């Protein structure tokens, strides 16, 4: 009689263990390891593989035209996807609970259906009455979206195979889908992986664009095995702070488009509204002339984006100075503070430092170094910076300020929003922007521009 072997799989990261333990060595999760039975092949030994079938090999060149993308009509969503959904592609959207993932997908499907497309929304978490109520609040009740509520993957695929293949299919969420081929509970690693594979295979075979909504862990990563992210063609994260009404849609993987584009939305009483001018939104009210604020002229994908960086330098209340950062890399802040002290002699390292990116945006571009440094210097010296000036440039460990790419695009966006000057690295070349440029070579010249005194220990 064939014996069945058992493996112990972590339901958080998918790591396989030889025996059960209370803590997963791979991800550190507690009580996440469960036993999964794997029946051995008949006869107790390995099955002899059958002879494979030869297939034709072809070249890279093709005369086939690129398939037309399926634009949903939600411009910010289509921008992040690369211009729309590619037929036969699979898209995974993740985000924190309550951030608006279901709202975004429902709006995208409704806009696509109103334009004449065929859209199907399968909800595994909510009853159809709940989805209809939300659609009514958003003013989408008249949209011709086919709605269903199911969690069994066999039932879903059988329903989708009946009739004409839809243009877009949304599954909300993939963690609730299960297959009868496995005995594991819904939401486990095996169930999520198998159900995702079946849906991706359906998309490739029929040409339908499939959107999967995924839960995230407490670390902000999409829950389930990483194999799901490898299976799909694009992975999008929907981000947003609870204290802000702004939402950011960001691509971290996209086989058919760029991965540095962002879409900006504003949460309203009738759903998500697209933000046509994110720069004006993130700048907000800048009538205050308080020290410690600087405007960074950044680039997110192909879009120039102006955002205000706020800094506060205060006397340390305890022996160890405190560092608090929101919207920027804490390690990069520590580096900027060290350069300002070592190369500029500012003496800010013994103080508490707080840095915030206004509007809830997260910045990862190195060109934000100059704006952050200017805000820090302004707060430390107690002198406000010129309100009509933008900043961008990367600061090196030597104290030099290096140029940033696409300077002309940044400056033109600043001029369009009413700024008249810019502090930029020395080698920046830009014509036709209409702004007065103040070039700086190192942090010492930045301190002179901001009016901050340089310490005696400065090394030049």
Protein backbone atom coordinates (compact mmCIF):
# COMPACT_ATOMS: atom_id res chain seq x y z
CA UNK A 1 0.00 0.00 0.00
CA UNK A 2 1.34 3.42 -0.91
CA UNK A 3 2.48 5.52 1.99
CA UNK A 4 1.80 9.23 2.16
CA UNK A 5 4.54 11.64 3.12
CA UNK A 6 3.83 14.84 5.03
CA UNK A 7 5.45 18.22 4.78
CA UNK A 8 5.13 21.21 7.08
CA UNK A 9 4.57 24.49 5.23
CA UNK A 10 4.54 28.03 6.64
CA UNK A 11 1.29 29.74 5.68
CA UNK A 12 2.93 33.19 5.71
CA UNK A 13 6.02 32.74 3.55
CA UNK A 14 5.69 29.26 2.04
CA UNK A 15 8.86 27.84 3.59
CA UNK A 16 8.91 24.02 3.83
CA UNK A 17 10.09 22.38 7.07
CA UNK A 18 10.86 18.76 7.91
CA UNK A 19 8.95 18.89 11.18
CA UNK A 20 6.47 21.11 12.93
CA UNK A 21 7.66 23.96 15.14
CA UNK A 22 5.95 26.92 16.74
CA UNK A 23 8.06 29.51 14.91
CA UNK A 24 9.02 29.68 11.24
CA UNK A 25 12.78 30.12 10.82
CA UNK A 26 12.36 31.81 7.45
CA UNK A 27 9.92 34.65 8.26
CA UNK A 28 9.77 34.56 12.07
CA UNK A 29 6.00 34.04 12.18
CA UNK A 30 4.46 32.21 15.12
CA UNK A 31 1.92 29.38 14.75
CA UNK A 32 1.98 29.64 10.97
CA UNK A 33 3.29 26.14 10.16
CA UNK A 34 0.71 23.55 9.17
CA UNK A 35 0.99 19.99 7.95
CA UNK A 36 0.19 19.26 4.32
CA UNK A 37 -0.13 15.71 3.07
CA UNK A 38 1.61 14.78 -0.17
CA UNK A 39 0.65 11.27 -1.32
CA UNK A 40 3.49 9.23 -2.75
CA UNK A 41 3.15 7.75 -6.26
CA UNK A 42 1.74 4.24 -6.60
CA UNK A 43 4.32 1.50 -6.05
CA UNK A 44 6.22 3.51 -3.45
CA UNK A 45 8.81 4.76 -5.92
CA UNK A 46 9.27 7.55 -8.39
CA UNK A 47 7.16 7.37 -11.53
CA UNK A 48 9.12 6.88 -14.72
CA UNK A 49 8.85 10.03 -16.83
CA UNK A 50 7.24 9.70 -20.24
CA UNK A 51 9.04 10.72 -23.39
CA UNK A 52 8.60 14.40 -24.19
CA UNK A 53 7.17 15.91 -27.37
CA UNK A 54 9.38 18.08 -29.53
CA UNK A 55 8.21 21.63 -30.23
CA UNK A 56 9.24 24.20 -32.81
CA UNK A 57 11.73 26.95 -31.98
CA UNK A 58 11.22 30.37 -33.53
CA UNK A 59 13.15 33.62 -33.77
CA UNK A 60 12.61 36.85 -31.89
CA UNK A 61 11.38 38.83 -34.90
CA UNK A 62 7.66 38.85 -35.53
CA UNK A 63 5.27 40.51 -37.95
CA UNK A 64 2.38 40.40 -35.47
CA UNK A 65 1.12 43.77 -34.35
CA UNK A 66 1.06 44.57 -30.66
CA UNK A 67 -2.40 43.88 -29.25
CA UNK A 68 -4.48 46.94 -28.46
CA UNK A 69 -4.63 47.70 -24.76
CA UNK A 70 -7.96 47.79 -22.98
CA UNK A 71 -8.21 51.23 -21.41
CA UNK A 72 -10.57 51.24 -18.45
CA UNK A 73 -11.31 54.95 -18.65
CA UNK A 74 -9.75 55.69 -15.25
CA UNK A 75 -6.75 57.67 -16.44
CA UNK A 76 -4.55 57.29 -13.35
CA UNK A 77 -5.12 53.53 -13.27
CA UNK A 78 -4.35 53.18 -16.98
CA UNK A 79 -1.20 55.30 -16.59
CA UNK A 80 0.27 52.96 -13.98
CA UNK A 81 -0.63 49.90 -16.07
CA UNK A 82 1.28 51.37 -19.02
CA UNK A 83 -1.66 52.69 -21.03
CA UNK A 84 -4.29 50.09 -20.23
CA UNK A 85 -4.65 46.36 -19.63
CA UNK A 86 -3.01 43.97 -22.09
CA UNK A 87 -5.31 41.17 -23.33
CA UNK A 88 -4.40 37.88 -21.68
CA UNK A 89 -2.53 39.54 -18.81
CA UNK A 90 -2.90 39.02 -15.08
CA UNK A 91 -2.67 41.93 -12.65
CA UNK A 92 -2.26 41.74 -8.86
CA UNK A 93 -3.36 44.72 -6.73
CA UNK A 94 -2.41 44.85 -3.05
CA UNK A 95 -2.95 47.35 -0.26
CA UNK A 96 -3.82 47.85 3.39
CA UNK A 97 -7.34 47.04 4.61
CA UNK A 98 -9.73 49.90 3.92
CA UNK A 99 -7.41 51.79 1.61
CA UNK A 100 -9.87 51.50 -1.30
CA UNK A 101 -8.75 48.50 -3.40
CA UNK A 102 -12.28 47.23 -4.04
CA UNK A 103 -13.49 50.77 -4.75
CA UNK A 104 -10.73 51.33 -7.30
CA UNK A 105 -11.35 48.05 -9.12
CA UNK A 106 -15.12 48.54 -9.15
CA UNK A 107 -14.73 52.04 -10.60
CA UNK A 108 -12.33 50.78 -13.27
CA UNK A 109 -14.68 47.96 -14.30
CA UNK A 110 -17.70 50.29 -14.33
CA UNK A 111 -15.90 52.81 -16.55
CA UNK A 112 -14.80 50.04 -18.91
CA UNK A 113 -18.31 48.58 -19.09
CA UNK A 114 -19.88 52.00 -19.74
CA UNK A 115 -17.52 52.42 -22.70
CA UNK A 116 -18.87 49.23 -24.29
CA UNK A 117 -16.57 46.61 -22.76
CA UNK A 118 -17.52 43.40 -21.01
CA UNK A 119 -16.53 43.30 -17.32
CA UNK A 120 -17.09 40.69 -14.61
CA UNK A 121 -16.63 41.33 -10.88
CA UNK A 122 -16.39 38.23 -8.65
CA UNK A 123 -16.53 38.99 -4.93
CA UNK A 124 -15.32 36.39 -2.48
CA UNK A 125 -15.54 38.58 0.61
CA UNK A 126 -18.82 40.48 0.22
CA UNK A 127 -22.31 39.42 -0.69
CA UNK A 128 -23.73 40.80 -3.90
CA UNK A 129 -26.11 43.03 -1.94
CA UNK A 130 -23.14 44.68 -0.22
CA UNK A 131 -21.38 45.31 -3.53
CA UNK A 132 -24.58 46.80 -4.98
CA UNK A 133 -24.89 49.14 -1.99
CA UNK A 134 -21.35 50.38 -2.50
CA UNK A 135 -21.95 50.81 -6.22
CA UNK A 136 -25.07 52.82 -5.44
CA UNK A 137 -23.19 55.18 -3.12
CA UNK A 138 -20.60 55.72 -5.86
CA UNK A 139 -23.20 56.35 -8.55
CA UNK A 140 -22.28 53.20 -10.50
CA UNK A 141 -25.51 51.23 -10.12
CA UNK A 142 -26.37 51.67 -13.81
CA UNK A 143 -23.01 50.38 -15.08
CA UNK A 144 -23.41 47.07 -17.01
CA UNK A 145 -20.96 45.10 -14.86
CA UNK A 146 -21.69 41.39 -14.41
CA UNK A 147 -21.59 40.70 -10.67
CA UNK A 148 -21.07 37.39 -8.90
CA UNK A 149 -20.21 36.04 -5.48
CA UNK A 150 -18.23 32.79 -5.31
CA UNK A 151 -15.09 31.33 -3.75
CA UNK A 152 -14.67 27.96 -5.51
CA UNK A 153 -12.29 28.27 -8.46
CA UNK A 154 -14.03 25.48 -10.38
CA UNK A 155 -17.37 27.30 -10.11
CA UNK A 156 -15.79 30.58 -11.20
CA UNK A 157 -14.04 29.13 -14.26
CA UNK A 158 -17.15 27.20 -15.30
CA UNK A 159 -19.24 30.38 -15.08
CA UNK A 160 -16.69 32.40 -17.06
CA UNK A 161 -16.53 29.73 -19.79
CA UNK A 162 -20.26 30.09 -20.43
CA UNK A 163 -20.99 32.61 -23.15
CA UNK A 164 -18.63 35.21 -24.57
CA UNK A 165 -15.22 35.72 -22.98
CA UNK A 166 -15.27 38.94 -20.92
CA UNK A 167 -12.73 41.67 -21.53
CA UNK A 168 -11.80 42.16 -17.85
CA UNK A 169 -12.37 39.83 -14.90
CA UNK A 170 -11.75 40.99 -11.31
CA UNK A 171 -11.39 38.57 -8.38
CA UNK A 172 -11.75 40.16 -4.93
CA UNK A 173 -9.81 38.70 -3.24
CA UNK A 174 -7.49 35.87 -4.19
CA UNK A 175 -7.03 34.81 -0.53
CA UNK A 176 -10.68 33.74 -0.37
CA UNK A 177 -10.56 31.49 -3.46
CA UNK A 178 -10.13 27.75 -2.97
CA UNK A 179 -10.03 24.64 -5.13
CA UNK A 180 -11.63 21.28 -4.38
CA UNK A 181 -8.48 19.54 -5.63
CA UNK A 182 -6.74 20.34 -2.33
CA UNK A 183 -7.76 19.56 1.23
CA UNK A 184 -6.09 22.67 2.66
CA UNK A 185 -8.20 25.48 4.07
CA UNK A 186 -8.89 28.61 1.97
CA UNK A 187 -6.17 31.23 2.30
CA UNK A 188 -3.33 28.74 2.78
CA UNK A 189 -0.22 28.80 0.64
CA UNK A 190 -1.25 25.83 -1.47
CA UNK A 191 -4.77 27.15 -2.11
CA UNK A 192 -3.63 30.65 -3.07
CA UNK A 193 -0.90 29.34 -5.35
CA UNK A 194 -3.12 26.81 -7.13
CA UNK A 195 -6.06 29.19 -7.55
CA UNK A 196 -3.80 31.94 -8.89
CA UNK A 197 -2.23 29.54 -11.38
CA UNK A 198 -5.67 28.46 -12.65
CA UNK A 199 -6.77 32.09 -13.12
CA UNK A 200 -3.55 33.08 -14.88
CA UNK A 201 -3.86 30.06 -17.17
CA UNK A 202 -7.45 31.10 -17.94
CA UNK A 203 -6.26 34.60 -18.88
CA UNK A 204 -3.55 33.29 -21.21
CA UNK A 205 -5.90 30.79 -22.87
CA UNK A 206 -8.87 33.11 -23.45
CA UNK A 207 -7.30 36.56 -23.80
CA UNK A 208 -9.26 38.03 -20.89
CA UNK A 209 -7.46 40.48 -18.60
CA UNK A 210 -7.64 39.21 -15.02
CA UNK A 211 -7.29 41.50 -11.99
CA UNK A 212 -6.55 39.83 -8.66
CA UNK A 213 -6.98 41.73 -5.40
CA UNK A 214 -4.58 40.59 -2.69
CA UNK A 215 -4.32 41.11 1.06
CA UNK A 216 -1.12 42.44 2.61
CA UNK A 217 0.77 41.41 5.72
CA UNK A 218 1.57 43.71 8.64
CA UNK A 219 4.87 44.52 6.89
CA UNK A 220 3.00 45.85 3.86
CA UNK A 221 3.89 42.94 1.55
CA UNK A 222 1.26 41.03 -0.40
CA UNK A 223 0.21 38.02 1.65
CA UNK A 224 0.75 34.53 0.30
CA UNK A 225 3.62 32.91 -1.55
CA UNK A 226 5.97 34.96 -3.69
CA UNK A 227 5.14 32.53 -6.49
CA UNK A 228 1.90 34.47 -7.04
CA UNK A 229 3.83 37.66 -7.80
CA UNK A 230 6.01 35.69 -10.22
CA UNK A 231 2.95 34.25 -11.98
CA UNK A 232 1.23 37.55 -12.72
CA UNK A 233 2.35 40.12 -15.29
CA UNK A 234 2.03 43.21 -13.10
CA UNK A 235 1.98 43.93 -9.37
CA UNK A 236 0.47 47.19 -8.12
CA UNK A 237 0.37 48.57 -4.59
CA UNK A 238 -2.38 50.92 -3.47
CA UNK A 239 -1.00 53.09 -0.69
CA UNK A 240 -2.45 55.74 1.57
CA UNK A 241 -2.16 57.14 5.06
CA UNK A 242 -5.25 56.97 7.23
CA UNK A 243 -4.87 60.62 8.15
CA UNK A 244 -4.90 61.74 4.51
CA UNK A 245 -7.53 61.44 1.81
CA UNK A 246 -4.89 60.95 -0.88
CA UNK A 247 -4.15 57.52 -2.35
CA UNK A 248 -1.14 56.50 -4.43
CA UNK A 249 -1.20 53.62 -6.93
CA UNK A 250 2.33 52.41 -7.59
CA UNK A 251 3.69 49.64 -9.84
CA UNK A 252 6.48 47.41 -8.52
CA UNK A 253 6.39 44.95 -11.42
CA UNK A 254 5.07 45.43 -14.95
CA UNK A 255 5.98 43.29 -17.94
CA UNK A 256 4.19 45.63 -20.32
CA UNK A 257 5.08 49.07 -19.00
CA UNK A 258 7.23 51.15 -16.64
CA UNK A 259 7.55 50.40 -12.95
CA UNK A 260 8.17 53.98 -11.83
CA UNK A 261 4.78 55.50 -12.66
CA UNK A 262 2.31 56.52 -9.97
CA UNK A 263 -1.38 57.31 -10.02
CA UNK A 264 -2.82 59.82 -7.57
CA UNK A 265 -6.39 59.64 -6.27
CA UNK A 266 -8.41 61.46 -3.66
CA UNK A 267 -10.93 59.59 -1.54
CA UNK A 268 -14.31 61.32 -1.59
CA UNK A 269 -17.83 60.47 -0.54
CA UNK A 270 -18.54 59.09 -4.02
CA UNK A 271 -15.43 56.97 -4.37
CA UNK A 272 -11.98 57.76 -5.69
CA UNK A 273 -11.48 60.94 -7.70
CA UNK A 274 -8.51 61.29 -10.05
CA UNK A 275 -6.10 64.11 -9.22
CA UNK A 276 -5.24 65.98 -12.42
CA UNK A 277 -2.52 68.15 -10.84
CA UNK A 278 -0.76 66.23 -8.03
CA UNK A 279 1.87 68.94 -7.57
CA UNK A 280 -0.68 71.54 -6.49
CA UNK A 281 -2.29 68.93 -4.25
CA UNK A 282 0.90 67.99 -2.38
CA UNK A 283 2.07 71.57 -2.03
CA UNK A 284 -1.14 72.58 -0.28
CA UNK A 285 -1.29 75.93 1.51
CA UNK A 286 2.18 77.48 1.54
CA UNK A 287 1.27 80.95 2.82
CA UNK A 288 3.26 80.37 5.99
CA UNK A 289 6.77 81.82 6.08
CA UNK A 290 8.01 79.54 8.86
CA UNK A 291 11.52 78.09 8.61
CA UNK A 292 12.04 74.40 7.85
CA UNK A 293 10.13 73.97 4.58
CA UNK A 294 11.50 73.43 1.08
CA UNK A 295 9.83 72.40 -2.17
CA UNK A 296 11.34 69.42 -3.97
CA UNK A 297 10.96 69.20 -7.75
CA UNK A 298 10.82 65.44 -8.30
CA UNK A 299 10.04 62.95 -11.04
CA UNK A 300 7.72 59.96 -10.65
CA UNK A 301 7.94 57.96 -13.85
CA UNK A 302 7.23 60.36 -16.68
CA UNK A 303 5.41 62.84 -14.45
CA UNK A 304 7.06 65.82 -12.72
CA UNK A 305 5.85 66.18 -9.17
CA UNK A 306 6.43 69.02 -6.74
CA UNK A 307 6.14 68.22 -3.04
CA UNK A 308 6.89 70.09 0.15
CA UNK A 309 9.48 68.68 2.56
CA UNK A 310 9.12 69.82 6.16
CA UNK A 311 11.88 69.62 8.77
CA UNK A 312 12.06 70.44 12.47
CA UNK A 313 15.32 70.57 14.42
CA UNK A 314 14.88 70.92 18.18
CA UNK A 315 17.00 70.63 21.30
CA UNK A 316 17.36 67.02 22.41
CA UNK A 317 15.19 66.31 25.41
CA UNK A 318 17.16 63.22 26.41
CA UNK A 319 20.72 62.02 26.13
CA UNK A 320 20.21 60.32 22.76
CA UNK A 321 18.89 62.55 19.94
CA UNK A 322 15.71 61.34 18.27
CA UNK A 323 15.15 60.86 14.53
CA UNK A 324 11.62 60.60 13.11
CA UNK A 325 10.97 60.35 9.37
CA UNK A 326 7.67 60.12 7.48
CA UNK A 327 7.72 59.59 3.72
CA UNK A 328 11.50 59.32 3.29
CA UNK A 329 14.31 56.88 3.97
CA UNK A 330 15.58 57.12 7.57
CA UNK A 331 19.01 55.90 6.51
CA UNK A 332 19.29 58.65 3.94
CA UNK A 333 18.37 61.25 6.57
CA UNK A 334 21.17 59.98 8.81
CA UNK A 335 23.60 60.29 5.90
CA UNK A 336 22.53 63.88 5.12
CA UNK A 337 22.92 64.89 8.78
CA UNK A 338 26.41 63.38 8.89
CA UNK A 339 27.44 65.22 5.71
CA UNK A 340 26.07 68.54 7.00
CA UNK A 341 28.07 68.15 10.21
CA UNK A 342 31.27 66.74 8.74
CA UNK A 343 31.52 68.75 5.52
CA UNK A 344 29.58 71.85 6.52
CA UNK A 345 30.25 72.09 10.25
CA UNK A 346 26.59 72.68 11.02
CA UNK A 347 26.48 70.83 14.34
CA UNK A 348 22.98 69.43 13.98
CA UNK A 349 23.69 65.83 15.00
CA UNK A 350 23.17 66.52 18.73
CA UNK A 351 19.58 67.72 18.15
CA UNK A 352 16.27 65.97 17.68
CA UNK A 353 15.39 65.88 13.98
CA UNK A 354 11.92 65.37 12.48
CA UNK A 355 11.33 65.15 8.72
CA UNK A 356 8.00 64.88 6.92
CA UNK A 357 6.91 64.71 3.29
CA UNK A 358 3.65 66.65 3.01
CA UNK A 359 0.56 64.93 1.69
CA UNK A 360 1.47 61.37 2.66
CA UNK A 361 3.68 60.79 -0.39
CA UNK A 362 6.69 58.47 -0.13
CA UNK A 363 9.83 59.65 -1.91
CA UNK A 364 12.64 57.32 -2.94
CA UNK A 365 14.50 59.54 -5.40
CA UNK A 366 18.10 60.55 -4.43
CA UNK A 367 17.50 63.99 -5.97
CA UNK A 368 15.47 64.87 -2.86
CA UNK A 369 18.71 65.18 -0.85
CA UNK A 370 19.17 68.88 -1.59
CA UNK A 371 15.60 69.83 -0.66
CA UNK A 372 15.79 67.82 2.58
CA UNK A 373 19.13 69.38 3.47
CA UNK A 374 17.81 72.88 2.76
CA UNK A 375 14.80 72.30 5.02
CA UNK A 376 17.05 70.99 7.80
CA UNK A 377 19.42 73.94 7.55
CA UNK A 378 16.52 76.38 7.50
CA UNK A 379 14.97 74.90 10.65
CA UNK A 380 18.30 74.72 12.47
CA UNK A 381 19.18 78.34 11.64
CA UNK A 382 15.64 79.60 12.23
CA UNK A 383 15.63 81.39 8.86
CA UNK A 384 12.86 80.74 6.30
CA UNK A 385 13.82 79.87 2.74
CA UNK A 386 12.48 81.84 -0.24
CA UNK A 387 8.91 80.71 -0.93
CA UNK A 388 9.28 80.92 -4.71
CA UNK A 389 12.24 78.51 -4.93
CA UNK A 390 12.45 74.78 -5.65
CA UNK A 391 15.33 72.41 -4.93
CA UNK A 392 16.69 69.18 -6.38
CA UNK A 393 20.07 67.46 -6.40
CA UNK A 394 21.87 64.47 -4.92
CA UNK A 395 24.35 64.95 -2.08
CA UNK A 396 27.42 62.70 -1.98
CA UNK A 397 29.42 61.69 1.07
CA UNK A 398 32.12 64.15 0.05
CA UNK A 399 29.65 67.01 0.39
CA UNK A 400 29.42 67.62 -3.36
CA UNK A 401 26.03 68.07 -4.98
CA UNK A 402 25.49 66.00 -8.10
CA UNK A 403 23.08 66.72 -10.98
CA UNK A 404 19.69 65.04 -11.25
CA UNK A 405 18.22 63.69 -14.51
CA UNK A 406 15.40 65.40 -16.42
CA UNK A 407 16.15 68.81 -14.96
CA UNK A 408 14.27 70.65 -17.69
CA UNK A 409 11.07 68.73 -16.98
CA UNK A 410 11.32 69.53 -13.28
CA UNK A 411 11.93 73.23 -13.86
CA UNK A 412 9.10 73.59 -16.37
CA UNK A 413 6.66 72.08 -13.86
CA UNK A 414 7.90 74.53 -11.22
CA UNK A 415 7.48 77.48 -13.58
CA UNK A 416 3.95 76.34 -14.44
CA UNK A 417 3.02 76.43 -10.74
CA UNK A 418 4.35 79.94 -10.22
CA UNK A 419 7.87 79.37 -8.91
CA UNK A 420 10.51 81.81 -10.14
CA UNK A 421 13.83 80.38 -8.89
CA UNK A 422 15.54 77.05 -8.37
CA UNK A 423 18.58 75.89 -6.39
CA UNK A 424 20.26 73.21 -8.49
CA UNK A 425 23.64 71.46 -8.83
CA UNK A 426 26.35 73.35 -10.68
CA UNK A 427 26.37 71.29 -13.87
CA UNK A 428 22.62 71.58 -14.43
CA UNK A 429 21.82 72.80 -17.94
CA UNK A 430 18.33 73.94 -18.80
CA UNK A 431 17.03 76.32 -21.42
CA UNK A 432 13.59 77.75 -21.83
CA UNK A 433 12.31 76.99 -18.33
CA UNK A 434 12.04 80.66 -17.40
CA UNK A 435 13.41 80.24 -13.86
CA UNK A 436 16.37 81.96 -12.24
CA UNK A 437 18.92 79.27 -11.38
CA UNK A 438 21.13 79.36 -8.30
CA UNK A 439 23.83 76.72 -8.68
CA UNK A 440 25.58 75.18 -5.68
CA UNK A 441 28.63 72.92 -5.77
CA UNK A 442 28.64 71.55 -2.22
CA UNK A 443 26.85 71.73 1.10
CA UNK A 444 29.00 74.71 2.13
CA UNK A 445 27.46 76.85 -0.61
CA UNK A 446 24.03 75.59 0.42
CA UNK A 447 24.67 76.80 3.98
CA UNK A 448 25.70 80.19 2.64
CA UNK A 449 22.53 80.41 0.55
CA UNK A 450 20.36 79.52 3.55
CA UNK A 451 22.20 82.00 5.80
CA UNK A 452 23.33 79.36 8.30
CA UNK A 453 26.69 79.92 10.04
CA UNK A 454 29.37 77.32 9.41
CA UNK A 455 31.14 75.80 12.40
CA UNK A 456 34.83 76.00 13.06
CA UNK A 457 35.22 72.26 12.57
CA UNK A 458 34.12 72.36 8.93
CA UNK A 459 36.45 70.52 6.61
CA UNK A 460 36.80 72.08 3.16
